N, C-alpha and C. Protein backbone atom coordinates (compact mmCIF):
# COMPACT_ATOMS: atom_id res chain seq x y z
N MET A 1 11.38 -19.42 -5.83
CA MET A 1 11.29 -18.35 -4.86
C MET A 1 12.52 -17.46 -5.00
N ILE A 2 12.31 -16.17 -5.06
CA ILE A 2 13.41 -15.23 -5.20
C ILE A 2 13.49 -14.40 -3.93
N ALA A 3 14.65 -14.37 -3.32
CA ALA A 3 14.83 -13.66 -2.06
C ALA A 3 15.25 -12.23 -2.30
N ILE A 4 14.83 -11.34 -1.40
CA ILE A 4 15.41 -10.00 -1.34
C ILE A 4 16.83 -10.24 -0.87
N PRO A 5 17.85 -9.78 -1.60
CA PRO A 5 19.20 -10.27 -1.39
C PRO A 5 19.95 -9.80 -0.15
N ASN A 6 19.33 -9.09 0.76
CA ASN A 6 20.08 -8.72 1.96
C ASN A 6 19.38 -9.23 3.21
N TYR A 7 20.18 -9.53 4.20
CA TYR A 7 19.67 -10.08 5.45
C TYR A 7 18.84 -9.04 6.18
N ILE A 8 17.70 -9.48 6.72
CA ILE A 8 16.91 -8.64 7.61
C ILE A 8 16.53 -9.47 8.83
N SER A 9 16.33 -8.81 9.94
CA SER A 9 15.93 -9.52 11.15
C SER A 9 14.45 -9.87 11.06
N ALA A 10 14.03 -10.78 11.89
CA ALA A 10 12.61 -11.15 11.94
C ALA A 10 11.75 -9.94 12.31
N GLU A 11 12.26 -9.10 13.20
CA GLU A 11 11.52 -7.90 13.60
C GLU A 11 11.35 -6.95 12.41
N GLU A 12 12.42 -6.75 11.64
CA GLU A 12 12.33 -5.89 10.45
C GLU A 12 11.34 -6.49 9.44
N TYR A 13 11.41 -7.80 9.25
CA TYR A 13 10.48 -8.48 8.34
C TYR A 13 9.03 -8.21 8.74
N LEU A 14 8.72 -8.39 10.03
CA LEU A 14 7.34 -8.19 10.49
C LEU A 14 6.89 -6.74 10.29
N ASP A 15 7.78 -5.78 10.52
CA ASP A 15 7.45 -4.37 10.28
C ASP A 15 7.15 -4.12 8.80
N ILE A 16 7.99 -4.65 7.93
CA ILE A 16 7.79 -4.49 6.49
C ILE A 16 6.50 -5.18 6.05
N GLU A 17 6.28 -6.36 6.55
CA GLU A 17 5.12 -7.17 6.14
C GLU A 17 3.80 -6.49 6.51
N ARG A 18 3.77 -5.82 7.64
CA ARG A 18 2.54 -5.12 8.06
C ARG A 18 2.16 -4.01 7.09
N GLN A 19 3.14 -3.44 6.41
CA GLN A 19 2.90 -2.30 5.53
C GLN A 19 2.88 -2.67 4.05
N SER A 20 3.27 -3.86 3.72
CA SER A 20 3.43 -4.25 2.32
C SER A 20 2.12 -4.75 1.71
N PRO A 21 1.82 -4.33 0.48
CA PRO A 21 0.65 -4.87 -0.21
C PRO A 21 0.93 -6.27 -0.78
N ILE A 22 2.20 -6.67 -0.79
CA ILE A 22 2.61 -7.98 -1.29
C ILE A 22 3.03 -8.84 -0.10
N ARG A 23 2.55 -10.08 -0.06
CA ARG A 23 2.95 -10.97 1.02
C ARG A 23 4.35 -11.53 0.75
N HIS A 24 5.08 -11.73 1.84
CA HIS A 24 6.42 -12.31 1.78
C HIS A 24 6.53 -13.40 2.84
N GLU A 25 7.25 -14.45 2.51
CA GLU A 25 7.61 -15.43 3.52
C GLU A 25 9.03 -15.09 3.97
N TYR A 26 9.36 -15.54 5.17
CA TYR A 26 10.66 -15.21 5.77
C TYR A 26 11.32 -16.50 6.22
N ARG A 27 12.60 -16.65 5.88
CA ARG A 27 13.36 -17.82 6.30
C ARG A 27 14.79 -17.42 6.60
N ARG A 28 15.13 -17.47 7.87
CA ARG A 28 16.51 -17.25 8.33
C ARG A 28 17.16 -16.02 7.71
N GLY A 29 16.48 -14.89 7.81
CA GLY A 29 17.08 -13.63 7.40
C GLY A 29 16.75 -13.17 5.99
N LEU A 30 16.10 -14.00 5.20
CA LEU A 30 15.74 -13.61 3.84
C LEU A 30 14.23 -13.58 3.69
N ALA A 31 13.73 -12.57 2.97
CA ALA A 31 12.30 -12.45 2.69
C ALA A 31 12.07 -12.82 1.23
N TYR A 32 11.02 -13.59 0.98
CA TYR A 32 10.69 -14.08 -0.35
C TYR A 32 9.31 -13.58 -0.74
N ALA A 33 9.22 -12.85 -1.85
CA ALA A 33 7.92 -12.40 -2.35
C ALA A 33 7.14 -13.62 -2.82
N MET A 34 5.85 -13.62 -2.53
CA MET A 34 5.00 -14.74 -2.93
C MET A 34 4.32 -14.43 -4.25
N ALA A 35 4.43 -15.35 -5.18
CA ALA A 35 3.81 -15.18 -6.48
C ALA A 35 2.34 -15.57 -6.40
N GLY A 36 1.56 -15.10 -7.34
CA GLY A 36 0.16 -15.47 -7.41
C GLY A 36 0.02 -16.92 -7.84
N GLY A 37 -1.12 -17.52 -7.51
CA GLY A 37 -1.36 -18.91 -7.85
C GLY A 37 -2.30 -19.03 -9.04
N THR A 38 -2.52 -20.26 -9.48
CA THR A 38 -3.43 -20.52 -10.59
C THR A 38 -4.85 -20.67 -10.08
N ASP A 39 -5.80 -20.68 -11.02
CA ASP A 39 -7.19 -20.91 -10.65
C ASP A 39 -7.38 -22.30 -10.05
N ASN A 40 -6.67 -23.30 -10.59
CA ASN A 40 -6.79 -24.65 -10.03
C ASN A 40 -6.21 -24.72 -8.62
N HIS A 41 -5.10 -24.03 -8.39
CA HIS A 41 -4.51 -23.96 -7.04
C HIS A 41 -5.54 -23.41 -6.07
N ASP A 42 -6.16 -22.32 -6.46
CA ASP A 42 -7.15 -21.67 -5.60
C ASP A 42 -8.35 -22.58 -5.35
N ARG A 43 -8.82 -23.27 -6.38
CA ARG A 43 -9.99 -24.14 -6.24
C ARG A 43 -9.67 -25.34 -5.34
N ILE A 44 -8.50 -25.94 -5.49
CA ILE A 44 -8.11 -27.08 -4.64
C ILE A 44 -8.05 -26.63 -3.18
N THR A 45 -7.45 -25.47 -2.94
CA THR A 45 -7.38 -24.95 -1.57
C THR A 45 -8.78 -24.72 -1.01
N PHE A 46 -9.65 -24.11 -1.80
CA PHE A 46 -11.04 -23.88 -1.37
C PHE A 46 -11.73 -25.20 -1.04
N ASN A 47 -11.62 -26.19 -1.92
CA ASN A 47 -12.25 -27.49 -1.68
C ASN A 47 -11.72 -28.13 -0.41
N PHE A 48 -10.43 -28.03 -0.18
CA PHE A 48 -9.81 -28.61 1.01
C PHE A 48 -10.35 -27.93 2.27
N LEU A 49 -10.38 -26.61 2.26
CA LEU A 49 -10.89 -25.87 3.42
C LEU A 49 -12.38 -26.14 3.66
N LYS A 50 -13.13 -26.31 2.59
CA LYS A 50 -14.56 -26.62 2.72
C LYS A 50 -14.76 -27.99 3.38
N LEU A 51 -13.95 -28.96 2.99
CA LEU A 51 -14.01 -30.28 3.62
C LEU A 51 -13.70 -30.19 5.11
N ILE A 52 -12.69 -29.42 5.45
CA ILE A 52 -12.32 -29.25 6.85
C ILE A 52 -13.43 -28.54 7.61
N ASP A 53 -13.99 -27.48 7.03
CA ASP A 53 -15.06 -26.73 7.68
C ASP A 53 -16.27 -27.62 7.94
N ASN A 54 -16.67 -28.39 6.94
CA ASN A 54 -17.82 -29.29 7.12
C ASN A 54 -17.55 -30.34 8.19
N HIS A 55 -16.31 -30.79 8.26
CA HIS A 55 -15.95 -31.81 9.24
C HIS A 55 -15.89 -31.27 10.67
N LEU A 56 -15.26 -30.12 10.84
CA LEU A 56 -15.09 -29.59 12.20
C LEU A 56 -16.41 -29.10 12.78
N GLY A 57 -17.25 -28.54 11.92
CA GLY A 57 -18.54 -28.06 12.40
C GLY A 57 -18.39 -26.88 13.35
N ASP A 58 -19.52 -26.56 13.98
CA ASP A 58 -19.55 -25.41 14.89
C ASP A 58 -20.38 -25.80 16.10
N PRO A 59 -19.95 -25.68 17.27
CA PRO A 59 -18.66 -25.11 17.68
C PRO A 59 -17.54 -26.14 17.61
N SER A 60 -16.33 -25.65 17.52
CA SER A 60 -15.15 -26.51 17.52
C SER A 60 -14.03 -25.78 18.24
N SER A 61 -13.20 -26.53 18.93
CA SER A 61 -12.04 -25.93 19.58
C SER A 61 -10.91 -25.70 18.57
N CYS A 62 -11.07 -26.26 17.37
CA CYS A 62 -10.06 -26.10 16.33
C CYS A 62 -10.45 -24.95 15.40
N ARG A 63 -9.43 -24.36 14.78
CA ARG A 63 -9.61 -23.30 13.80
C ARG A 63 -8.79 -23.67 12.56
N PHE A 64 -9.32 -23.30 11.39
CA PHE A 64 -8.57 -23.53 10.16
C PHE A 64 -8.37 -22.21 9.45
N TYR A 65 -7.29 -22.14 8.68
CA TYR A 65 -6.90 -20.89 8.03
C TYR A 65 -6.41 -21.17 6.62
N SER A 66 -6.58 -20.16 5.76
CA SER A 66 -6.07 -20.22 4.40
C SER A 66 -4.72 -19.53 4.34
N GLY A 67 -4.25 -19.24 3.15
CA GLY A 67 -2.92 -18.69 2.96
C GLY A 67 -2.74 -17.24 3.33
N ASN A 68 -3.57 -16.71 4.20
CA ASN A 68 -3.45 -15.31 4.60
C ASN A 68 -2.97 -15.12 6.03
N VAL A 69 -2.73 -16.21 6.74
CA VAL A 69 -2.27 -16.17 8.12
C VAL A 69 -0.93 -16.90 8.18
N LYS A 70 0.03 -16.32 8.90
CA LYS A 70 1.38 -16.88 8.96
C LYS A 70 1.49 -17.98 10.02
N VAL A 71 2.36 -18.95 9.74
CA VAL A 71 2.82 -19.94 10.71
C VAL A 71 4.27 -19.61 11.00
N ASN A 72 4.63 -19.66 12.27
CA ASN A 72 5.96 -19.20 12.69
C ASN A 72 6.61 -20.18 13.63
N TYR A 73 7.94 -20.27 13.54
CA TYR A 73 8.75 -20.99 14.52
C TYR A 73 9.87 -20.05 14.94
N ARG A 74 9.83 -19.67 16.21
CA ARG A 74 10.81 -18.72 16.77
C ARG A 74 11.01 -17.58 15.79
N ASP A 75 12.22 -17.16 15.56
CA ASP A 75 12.46 -16.13 14.55
C ASP A 75 13.09 -16.75 13.30
N GLU A 76 12.97 -18.06 13.15
CA GLU A 76 13.59 -18.75 12.02
C GLU A 76 12.77 -18.66 10.74
N PHE A 77 11.45 -18.81 10.85
CA PHE A 77 10.63 -18.72 9.65
C PHE A 77 9.23 -18.21 9.95
N TYR A 78 8.68 -17.57 8.92
CA TYR A 78 7.28 -17.15 8.87
C TYR A 78 6.78 -17.56 7.49
N TYR A 79 5.87 -18.54 7.46
CA TYR A 79 5.34 -19.04 6.19
C TYR A 79 3.83 -18.81 6.14
N TYR A 80 3.32 -18.75 4.92
CA TYR A 80 1.89 -18.69 4.67
C TYR A 80 1.45 -20.01 4.03
N PRO A 81 1.14 -21.03 4.83
CA PRO A 81 0.69 -22.29 4.22
C PRO A 81 -0.63 -22.08 3.46
N ASP A 82 -0.88 -22.91 2.48
CA ASP A 82 -2.14 -22.80 1.75
C ASP A 82 -3.33 -23.08 2.66
N ALA A 83 -3.16 -23.98 3.61
CA ALA A 83 -4.20 -24.27 4.59
C ALA A 83 -3.56 -24.90 5.82
N PHE A 84 -4.15 -24.63 6.99
CA PHE A 84 -3.68 -25.31 8.19
C PHE A 84 -4.76 -25.28 9.26
N VAL A 85 -4.60 -26.20 10.23
CA VAL A 85 -5.54 -26.34 11.34
C VAL A 85 -4.75 -26.25 12.63
N THR A 86 -5.27 -25.48 13.57
CA THR A 86 -4.71 -25.44 14.92
C THR A 86 -5.84 -25.64 15.91
N CYS A 87 -5.57 -26.41 16.93
CA CYS A 87 -6.54 -26.66 18.00
C CYS A 87 -6.01 -26.16 19.33
N ASP A 88 -4.89 -25.48 19.30
CA ASP A 88 -4.24 -25.01 20.51
C ASP A 88 -4.77 -23.64 20.90
N PRO A 89 -5.30 -23.48 22.11
CA PRO A 89 -5.87 -22.19 22.51
C PRO A 89 -4.85 -21.05 22.50
N ARG A 90 -3.56 -21.35 22.61
CA ARG A 90 -2.55 -20.29 22.55
C ARG A 90 -2.53 -19.59 21.19
N ASP A 91 -3.03 -20.27 20.16
CA ASP A 91 -3.06 -19.67 18.83
C ASP A 91 -4.19 -18.66 18.65
N ARG A 92 -4.95 -18.43 19.69
CA ARG A 92 -6.01 -17.41 19.61
C ARG A 92 -5.53 -16.05 20.10
N ASP A 93 -4.31 -15.98 20.61
CA ASP A 93 -3.78 -14.74 21.17
C ASP A 93 -3.31 -13.75 20.10
N ASP A 94 -2.91 -14.24 18.94
CA ASP A 94 -2.37 -13.39 17.87
C ASP A 94 -3.21 -13.63 16.62
N ARG A 95 -3.76 -12.60 16.04
CA ARG A 95 -4.64 -12.74 14.88
C ARG A 95 -3.89 -12.91 13.57
N TYR A 96 -2.57 -12.70 13.57
CA TYR A 96 -1.79 -12.73 12.34
C TYR A 96 -0.82 -13.90 12.24
N ILE A 97 -0.41 -14.42 13.40
CA ILE A 97 0.62 -15.46 13.43
C ILE A 97 0.15 -16.61 14.32
N LYS A 98 0.32 -17.84 13.83
CA LYS A 98 -0.01 -19.04 14.60
C LYS A 98 1.25 -19.87 14.76
N ARG A 99 1.38 -20.50 15.92
CA ARG A 99 2.61 -21.22 16.23
C ARG A 99 2.42 -22.70 16.57
N TYR A 100 1.16 -23.16 16.63
CA TYR A 100 0.89 -24.53 17.08
C TYR A 100 -0.04 -25.30 16.14
N PRO A 101 0.21 -25.27 14.84
CA PRO A 101 -0.68 -26.01 13.94
C PRO A 101 -0.50 -27.51 14.11
N LYS A 102 -1.59 -28.25 13.97
CA LYS A 102 -1.48 -29.71 14.01
C LYS A 102 -1.48 -30.30 12.62
N LEU A 103 -2.02 -29.56 11.64
CA LEU A 103 -2.04 -29.99 10.25
C LEU A 103 -1.70 -28.80 9.37
N ILE A 104 -0.80 -29.01 8.42
CA ILE A 104 -0.44 -27.99 7.43
C ILE A 104 -0.55 -28.63 6.05
N ALA A 105 -1.14 -27.89 5.10
CA ALA A 105 -1.25 -28.37 3.72
C ALA A 105 -0.69 -27.35 2.75
N GLU A 106 0.00 -27.84 1.75
CA GLU A 106 0.50 -27.02 0.66
C GLU A 106 0.02 -27.62 -0.65
N VAL A 107 -0.53 -26.76 -1.52
CA VAL A 107 -0.89 -27.17 -2.88
C VAL A 107 0.35 -26.90 -3.73
N LEU A 108 0.86 -27.93 -4.34
CA LEU A 108 2.15 -27.83 -5.04
C LEU A 108 2.02 -27.12 -6.38
N SER A 109 3.01 -26.29 -6.68
CA SER A 109 3.12 -25.65 -7.98
C SER A 109 4.53 -25.89 -8.48
N SER A 110 4.74 -25.74 -9.77
CA SER A 110 6.06 -26.04 -10.32
C SER A 110 7.15 -25.15 -9.73
N SER A 111 6.80 -23.92 -9.36
CA SER A 111 7.81 -23.00 -8.83
C SER A 111 8.14 -23.24 -7.36
N THR A 112 7.27 -23.90 -6.61
CA THR A 112 7.51 -24.08 -5.17
C THR A 112 7.63 -25.54 -4.74
N GLN A 113 7.36 -26.47 -5.63
CA GLN A 113 7.29 -27.88 -5.24
C GLN A 113 8.56 -28.37 -4.55
N ALA A 114 9.71 -28.13 -5.12
CA ALA A 114 10.96 -28.63 -4.53
C ALA A 114 11.15 -28.08 -3.11
N PHE A 115 10.86 -26.81 -2.92
CA PHE A 115 11.00 -26.20 -1.60
C PHE A 115 9.97 -26.76 -0.62
N ASP A 116 8.70 -26.87 -1.05
CA ASP A 116 7.64 -27.38 -0.18
C ASP A 116 7.92 -28.81 0.27
N VAL A 117 8.43 -29.63 -0.62
CA VAL A 117 8.69 -31.04 -0.34
C VAL A 117 9.95 -31.21 0.52
N GLY A 118 10.91 -30.30 0.36
CA GLY A 118 12.20 -30.45 1.03
C GLY A 118 12.40 -29.51 2.21
N GLU A 119 12.99 -28.35 1.94
CA GLU A 119 13.40 -27.45 3.02
C GLU A 119 12.22 -26.94 3.87
N LYS A 120 11.10 -26.66 3.24
CA LYS A 120 9.95 -26.18 4.02
C LYS A 120 9.47 -27.28 4.98
N PHE A 121 9.44 -28.52 4.50
CA PHE A 121 9.07 -29.62 5.38
C PHE A 121 10.09 -29.77 6.52
N ASP A 122 11.37 -29.62 6.21
CA ASP A 122 12.39 -29.66 7.26
C ASP A 122 12.10 -28.62 8.34
N ASP A 123 11.73 -27.42 7.90
CA ASP A 123 11.40 -26.36 8.85
C ASP A 123 10.14 -26.69 9.64
N TYR A 124 9.11 -27.12 8.96
CA TYR A 124 7.84 -27.43 9.64
C TYR A 124 8.01 -28.51 10.71
N GLN A 125 8.93 -29.42 10.52
CA GLN A 125 9.14 -30.48 11.50
C GLN A 125 9.56 -29.94 12.86
N ARG A 126 10.06 -28.72 12.91
CA ARG A 126 10.45 -28.10 14.18
C ARG A 126 9.23 -27.75 15.04
N LEU A 127 8.08 -27.66 14.42
CA LEU A 127 6.85 -27.33 15.15
C LEU A 127 6.39 -28.57 15.91
N ASN A 128 6.55 -28.57 17.22
CA ASN A 128 6.23 -29.75 18.02
C ASN A 128 4.77 -30.17 17.93
N ALA A 129 3.87 -29.22 17.70
CA ALA A 129 2.45 -29.54 17.63
C ALA A 129 2.05 -30.17 16.29
N LEU A 130 2.92 -30.04 15.28
CA LEU A 130 2.56 -30.53 13.95
C LEU A 130 2.50 -32.06 13.92
N GLU A 131 1.33 -32.57 13.53
CA GLU A 131 1.12 -34.01 13.42
C GLU A 131 1.09 -34.49 11.98
N GLU A 132 0.73 -33.57 11.05
CA GLU A 132 0.53 -34.01 9.67
C GLU A 132 0.84 -32.89 8.68
N TYR A 133 1.56 -33.26 7.63
CA TYR A 133 1.91 -32.34 6.55
C TYR A 133 1.35 -32.94 5.26
N VAL A 134 0.51 -32.17 4.56
CA VAL A 134 -0.21 -32.66 3.39
C VAL A 134 0.26 -31.91 2.15
N LEU A 135 0.67 -32.64 1.14
CA LEU A 135 1.13 -32.07 -0.13
C LEU A 135 0.15 -32.49 -1.21
N ILE A 136 -0.49 -31.51 -1.84
CA ILE A 136 -1.55 -31.77 -2.81
C ILE A 136 -1.07 -31.35 -4.19
N SER A 137 -1.10 -32.26 -5.13
CA SER A 137 -0.68 -31.98 -6.51
C SER A 137 -1.77 -31.22 -7.25
N GLN A 138 -1.35 -30.28 -8.11
CA GLN A 138 -2.28 -29.62 -9.02
C GLN A 138 -2.39 -30.36 -10.34
N GLU A 139 -1.36 -31.12 -10.68
CA GLU A 139 -1.26 -31.72 -12.00
C GLU A 139 -2.04 -33.02 -12.15
N THR A 140 -2.17 -33.76 -11.07
CA THR A 140 -2.84 -35.05 -11.10
C THR A 140 -3.48 -35.29 -9.75
N GLN A 141 -4.44 -36.21 -9.68
CA GLN A 141 -5.07 -36.50 -8.39
C GLN A 141 -4.08 -37.30 -7.54
N ARG A 142 -3.33 -36.55 -6.74
CA ARG A 142 -2.30 -37.16 -5.89
C ARG A 142 -2.14 -36.31 -4.63
N VAL A 143 -2.24 -36.99 -3.48
CA VAL A 143 -2.08 -36.34 -2.19
C VAL A 143 -1.08 -37.16 -1.38
N GLU A 144 -0.07 -36.47 -0.86
CA GLU A 144 0.93 -37.12 -0.02
C GLU A 144 0.75 -36.61 1.40
N CYS A 145 0.48 -37.52 2.33
CA CYS A 145 0.33 -37.16 3.75
C CYS A 145 1.54 -37.68 4.51
N ARG A 146 2.21 -36.78 5.19
CA ARG A 146 3.34 -37.14 6.03
C ARG A 146 2.87 -36.97 7.47
N CYS A 147 2.88 -38.09 8.21
CA CYS A 147 2.34 -38.10 9.58
C CYS A 147 3.46 -38.37 10.57
N ARG A 148 3.47 -37.59 11.64
CA ARG A 148 4.44 -37.79 12.71
C ARG A 148 4.01 -39.02 13.52
N THR A 149 4.95 -39.90 13.80
CA THR A 149 4.67 -41.09 14.59
C THR A 149 4.99 -40.83 16.06
N SER A 150 4.62 -41.76 16.91
CA SER A 150 4.91 -41.62 18.34
C SER A 150 6.41 -41.64 18.61
N ALA A 151 7.20 -42.19 17.68
CA ALA A 151 8.66 -42.21 17.82
C ALA A 151 9.30 -40.94 17.24
N ASN A 152 8.46 -39.95 16.89
CA ASN A 152 8.89 -38.67 16.34
C ASN A 152 9.62 -38.83 15.01
N THR A 153 9.20 -39.84 14.25
CA THR A 153 9.64 -39.99 12.86
C THR A 153 8.43 -39.68 11.98
N TRP A 154 8.61 -39.70 10.67
CA TRP A 154 7.52 -39.34 9.76
C TRP A 154 7.21 -40.50 8.83
N GLU A 155 5.94 -40.85 8.76
CA GLU A 155 5.45 -41.90 7.87
C GLU A 155 4.73 -41.22 6.71
N THR A 156 4.98 -41.68 5.50
CA THR A 156 4.36 -41.09 4.32
C THR A 156 3.34 -42.04 3.71
N ILE A 157 2.16 -41.50 3.42
CA ILE A 157 1.11 -42.25 2.74
C ILE A 157 0.73 -41.44 1.50
N VAL A 158 0.69 -42.10 0.34
CA VAL A 158 0.34 -41.43 -0.91
C VAL A 158 -1.02 -41.95 -1.37
N TYR A 159 -1.89 -40.99 -1.71
CA TYR A 159 -3.23 -41.30 -2.23
C TYR A 159 -3.30 -40.84 -3.67
N GLU A 160 -3.99 -41.64 -4.50
CA GLU A 160 -4.13 -41.29 -5.91
C GLU A 160 -5.59 -41.43 -6.34
N ALA A 161 -5.87 -41.15 -7.61
CA ALA A 161 -7.23 -41.17 -8.14
C ALA A 161 -7.97 -42.43 -7.69
N GLY A 162 -9.18 -42.25 -7.21
CA GLY A 162 -10.01 -43.35 -6.74
C GLY A 162 -9.87 -43.67 -5.26
N ASP A 163 -8.84 -43.12 -4.61
CA ASP A 163 -8.59 -43.41 -3.19
C ASP A 163 -9.42 -42.49 -2.28
N ARG A 164 -9.52 -42.91 -1.02
CA ARG A 164 -10.05 -42.06 0.04
C ARG A 164 -8.88 -41.57 0.86
N VAL A 165 -8.79 -40.26 1.04
CA VAL A 165 -7.73 -39.64 1.81
C VAL A 165 -8.13 -39.66 3.28
N ALA A 166 -7.21 -40.04 4.15
CA ALA A 166 -7.46 -40.05 5.59
C ALA A 166 -6.49 -39.09 6.27
N LEU A 167 -7.03 -38.01 6.82
CA LEU A 167 -6.23 -37.06 7.59
C LEU A 167 -6.34 -37.46 9.06
N LYS A 168 -5.33 -38.18 9.53
CA LYS A 168 -5.36 -38.73 10.88
C LYS A 168 -5.39 -37.65 11.96
N SER A 169 -4.71 -36.54 11.72
CA SER A 169 -4.58 -35.50 12.74
C SER A 169 -5.91 -34.89 13.14
N ILE A 170 -6.87 -34.85 12.21
CA ILE A 170 -8.17 -34.26 12.54
C ILE A 170 -9.32 -35.25 12.34
N GLY A 171 -8.99 -36.51 12.06
CA GLY A 171 -10.02 -37.54 11.93
C GLY A 171 -10.95 -37.33 10.75
N LEU A 172 -10.44 -36.87 9.63
CA LEU A 172 -11.26 -36.59 8.45
C LEU A 172 -10.86 -37.53 7.31
N ALA A 173 -11.87 -38.15 6.69
CA ALA A 173 -11.65 -38.98 5.50
C ALA A 173 -12.58 -38.50 4.40
N PHE A 174 -12.09 -38.51 3.16
CA PHE A 174 -12.90 -38.06 2.02
C PHE A 174 -12.35 -38.65 0.73
N ALA A 175 -13.19 -38.71 -0.28
CA ALA A 175 -12.75 -39.17 -1.60
C ALA A 175 -11.81 -38.14 -2.19
N ILE A 176 -10.69 -38.58 -2.73
CA ILE A 176 -9.72 -37.65 -3.29
C ILE A 176 -10.36 -36.78 -4.37
N SER A 177 -11.35 -37.31 -5.08
CA SER A 177 -12.02 -36.55 -6.14
C SER A 177 -12.67 -35.27 -5.59
N GLU A 178 -13.00 -35.24 -4.31
CA GLU A 178 -13.60 -34.04 -3.72
C GLU A 178 -12.65 -32.85 -3.76
N LEU A 179 -11.35 -33.12 -3.68
CA LEU A 179 -10.37 -32.03 -3.76
C LEU A 179 -10.31 -31.41 -5.14
N TYR A 180 -10.64 -32.20 -6.15
CA TYR A 180 -10.44 -31.78 -7.52
C TYR A 180 -11.76 -31.40 -8.22
N ARG A 181 -12.81 -31.20 -7.45
CA ARG A 181 -14.10 -30.78 -8.02
C ARG A 181 -14.00 -29.38 -8.61
N GLY A 182 -14.57 -29.19 -9.78
CA GLY A 182 -14.67 -27.87 -10.37
C GLY A 182 -13.41 -27.33 -10.99
N LEU A 183 -12.41 -28.17 -11.23
CA LEU A 183 -11.17 -27.69 -11.84
C LEU A 183 -11.34 -27.56 -13.34
N ASP A 184 -10.63 -26.60 -13.91
CA ASP A 184 -10.61 -26.41 -15.36
C ASP A 184 -9.35 -27.06 -15.91
N GLY A 185 -9.52 -27.78 -16.99
CA GLY A 185 -8.40 -28.36 -17.73
C GLY A 185 -7.54 -29.16 -16.89
């Protein structure tokens, strides 16, 4: 991730973002242009969202979003997760920014993996509503689920080829192979 090298306020970021044809994430005064993803990244995200959609059904008090809607904590960060679910009615007030996700997923790429696994997770932990953080590998059938416990610590469960993934936060279980359907190479 490459930052625009000068500090901007969250308000300035939001003004710029509304007018920009390129999406940017914001973290503590720096804006980061988002690079395009691979076809496999896109397909994994689609498969994940399809599984969630089929599970939640209609009607549902929960909503799910792809990487076009921001998740925010105060004025500290504005991120575009690859996928997330919110069931909090307060998240229906703003069509562009959500603040109470219960599940967030990131499809890992070589350019963002270290950040997604480390600092971004540190930031996401500030979201009190967040129950589960899901990291999905593009390179191999591997899903890491980090779940918040009742003691406000995080438990990690890793799923690999042949396993069934269990998303506790939304009560969804599926074969890991479903995430990787239709991938090239």
